[in-house]
């Protein structure tokens, strides 16, 4: 599992984050087929083995299933399970760094949230 958009992550984790975001946005829903390993590798200029490693991590976490000779498909409930896992990871790893940076800069969290609404 990886926090979305981790710039210093290995390539397979970046690819995983890309697919995670697509599932969370609803680009891939339960029952949808993910792009083939070769297609995703070509699209992102990655090694197919790297893409396979990213896909394997989704399978290991129970978000997708492999149908031999057909492809990889998103399982029912995957988006909700993924959202819960990503929220937990964000709160555990990303949020403390963000909060520390906000405090360091003397920013007010309420003001930051208000800026977003404007």
Protein backbone atom coordinates (compact mmCIF):
# COMPACT_ATOMS: atom_id res chain seq x y z
CA UNK A 1 0.00 0.00 0.00
CA UNK A 2 1.22 3.52 -0.69
CA UNK A 3 -0.02 7.02 -0.16
CA UNK A 4 -1.27 8.53 -3.38
CA UNK A 5 1.17 10.79 -5.23
CA UNK A 6 4.33 9.88 -3.33
CA UNK A 7 6.98 11.44 -5.56
CA UNK A 8 9.91 9.67 -3.91
CA UNK A 9 8.35 6.20 -4.22
CA UNK A 10 9.61 3.40 -6.46
CA UNK A 11 8.06 3.22 -9.94
CA UNK A 12 5.79 0.27 -9.12
CA UNK A 13 4.32 2.22 -6.20
CA UNK A 14 3.77 5.26 -8.41
CA UNK A 15 1.94 3.04 -10.91
CA UNK A 16 -0.07 1.55 -8.07
CA UNK A 17 -0.98 5.06 -6.90
CA UNK A 18 -2.13 5.94 -10.43
CA UNK A 19 -4.42 2.91 -10.60
CA UNK A 20 -5.60 3.48 -7.01
CA UNK A 21 -6.61 7.03 -7.87
CA UNK A 22 -8.46 5.79 -10.98
CA UNK A 23 -10.39 3.26 -8.89
CA UNK A 24 -11.20 5.88 -6.25
CA UNK A 25 -12.39 8.35 -8.93
CA UNK A 26 -14.60 5.65 -10.42
CA UNK A 27 -12.68 5.35 -13.67
CA UNK A 28 -12.53 1.61 -12.91
CA UNK A 29 -15.54 0.15 -11.13
CA UNK A 30 -16.31 -3.30 -9.77
CA UNK A 31 -16.17 -5.76 -12.65
CA UNK A 32 -14.17 -3.47 -14.93
CA UNK A 33 -11.04 -4.79 -16.58
CA UNK A 34 -7.80 -2.96 -15.86
CA UNK A 35 -5.47 -2.17 -18.76
CA UNK A 36 -3.16 -5.02 -19.71
CA UNK A 37 0.32 -5.06 -18.26
CA UNK A 38 1.79 -4.24 -21.66
CA UNK A 39 -0.68 -1.41 -22.34
CA UNK A 40 -0.06 0.23 -18.96
CA UNK A 41 3.70 -0.20 -19.33
CA UNK A 42 3.63 1.45 -22.76
CA UNK A 43 1.39 4.27 -21.53
CA UNK A 44 3.73 5.10 -18.63
CA UNK A 45 7.06 4.17 -20.22
CA UNK A 46 7.59 1.49 -17.59
CA UNK A 47 8.98 -2.01 -17.68
CA UNK A 48 6.17 -4.62 -17.92
CA UNK A 49 7.68 -6.46 -14.92
CA UNK A 50 7.28 -3.27 -12.88
CA UNK A 51 3.62 -3.01 -13.89
CA UNK A 52 3.12 -6.68 -13.07
CA UNK A 53 4.55 -6.03 -9.59
CA UNK A 54 2.10 -3.15 -9.06
CA UNK A 55 -0.81 -5.31 -10.22
CA UNK A 56 0.33 -8.19 -8.02
CA UNK A 57 0.14 -5.91 -4.99
CA UNK A 58 -3.51 -5.13 -5.86
CA UNK A 59 -4.22 -8.82 -6.12
CA UNK A 60 -2.45 -9.52 -2.82
CA UNK A 61 -4.57 -6.83 -1.13
CA UNK A 62 -7.80 -8.27 -2.54
CA UNK A 63 -8.78 -5.37 -4.80
CA UNK A 64 -8.56 -7.25 -8.10
CA UNK A 65 -8.73 -10.76 -9.45
CA UNK A 66 -6.95 -12.36 -12.36
CA UNK A 67 -9.00 -14.28 -14.88
CA UNK A 68 -6.52 -16.49 -16.69
CA UNK A 69 -6.25 -15.66 -20.35
CA UNK A 70 -8.61 -12.69 -19.98
CA UNK A 71 -7.05 -10.09 -17.66
CA UNK A 72 -7.29 -8.37 -14.33
CA UNK A 73 -10.66 -7.19 -12.98
CA UNK A 74 -11.69 -4.91 -10.12
CA UNK A 75 -13.49 -6.82 -7.36
CA UNK A 76 -16.76 -5.67 -5.76
CA UNK A 77 -16.06 -3.46 -2.75
CA UNK A 78 -12.52 -2.69 -3.90
CA UNK A 79 -13.06 1.09 -4.08
CA UNK A 80 -14.41 1.29 -0.53
CA UNK A 81 -11.68 -0.98 0.87
CA UNK A 82 -9.06 1.04 -0.99
CA UNK A 83 -10.50 4.32 0.28
CA UNK A 84 -10.37 3.09 3.88
CA UNK A 85 -6.78 1.87 3.48
CA UNK A 86 -5.64 5.10 1.79
CA UNK A 87 -7.34 7.23 4.48
CA UNK A 88 -5.58 5.28 7.23
CA UNK A 89 -2.24 5.58 5.47
CA UNK A 90 -2.73 9.32 4.87
CA UNK A 91 -3.57 9.95 8.51
CA UNK A 92 -0.66 7.84 9.70
CA UNK A 93 2.09 8.99 7.33
CA UNK A 94 1.20 12.06 5.27
CA UNK A 95 -0.90 14.11 7.67
CA UNK A 96 1.73 14.40 10.45
CA UNK A 97 4.24 15.83 7.93
CA UNK A 98 1.64 18.20 6.46
CA UNK A 99 0.51 19.33 9.92
CA UNK A 100 4.11 19.90 10.96
CA UNK A 101 4.72 22.02 7.85
CA UNK A 102 1.54 24.03 8.47
CA UNK A 103 2.69 24.69 12.04
CA UNK A 104 6.23 25.55 10.92
CA UNK A 105 4.90 28.17 8.49
CA UNK A 106 2.49 29.57 11.06
CA UNK A 107 -0.52 28.86 8.88
CA UNK A 108 -4.02 28.48 10.25
CA UNK A 109 -5.77 25.26 9.19
CA UNK A 110 -9.19 26.94 9.19
CA UNK A 111 -7.90 29.68 6.86
CA UNK A 112 -6.44 27.05 4.54
CA UNK A 113 -9.77 25.25 4.37
CA UNK A 114 -11.58 28.52 3.71
CA UNK A 115 -9.19 29.29 0.83
CA UNK A 116 -10.17 26.02 -0.79
CA UNK A 117 -13.84 27.07 -0.81
CA UNK A 118 -13.15 30.36 -2.58
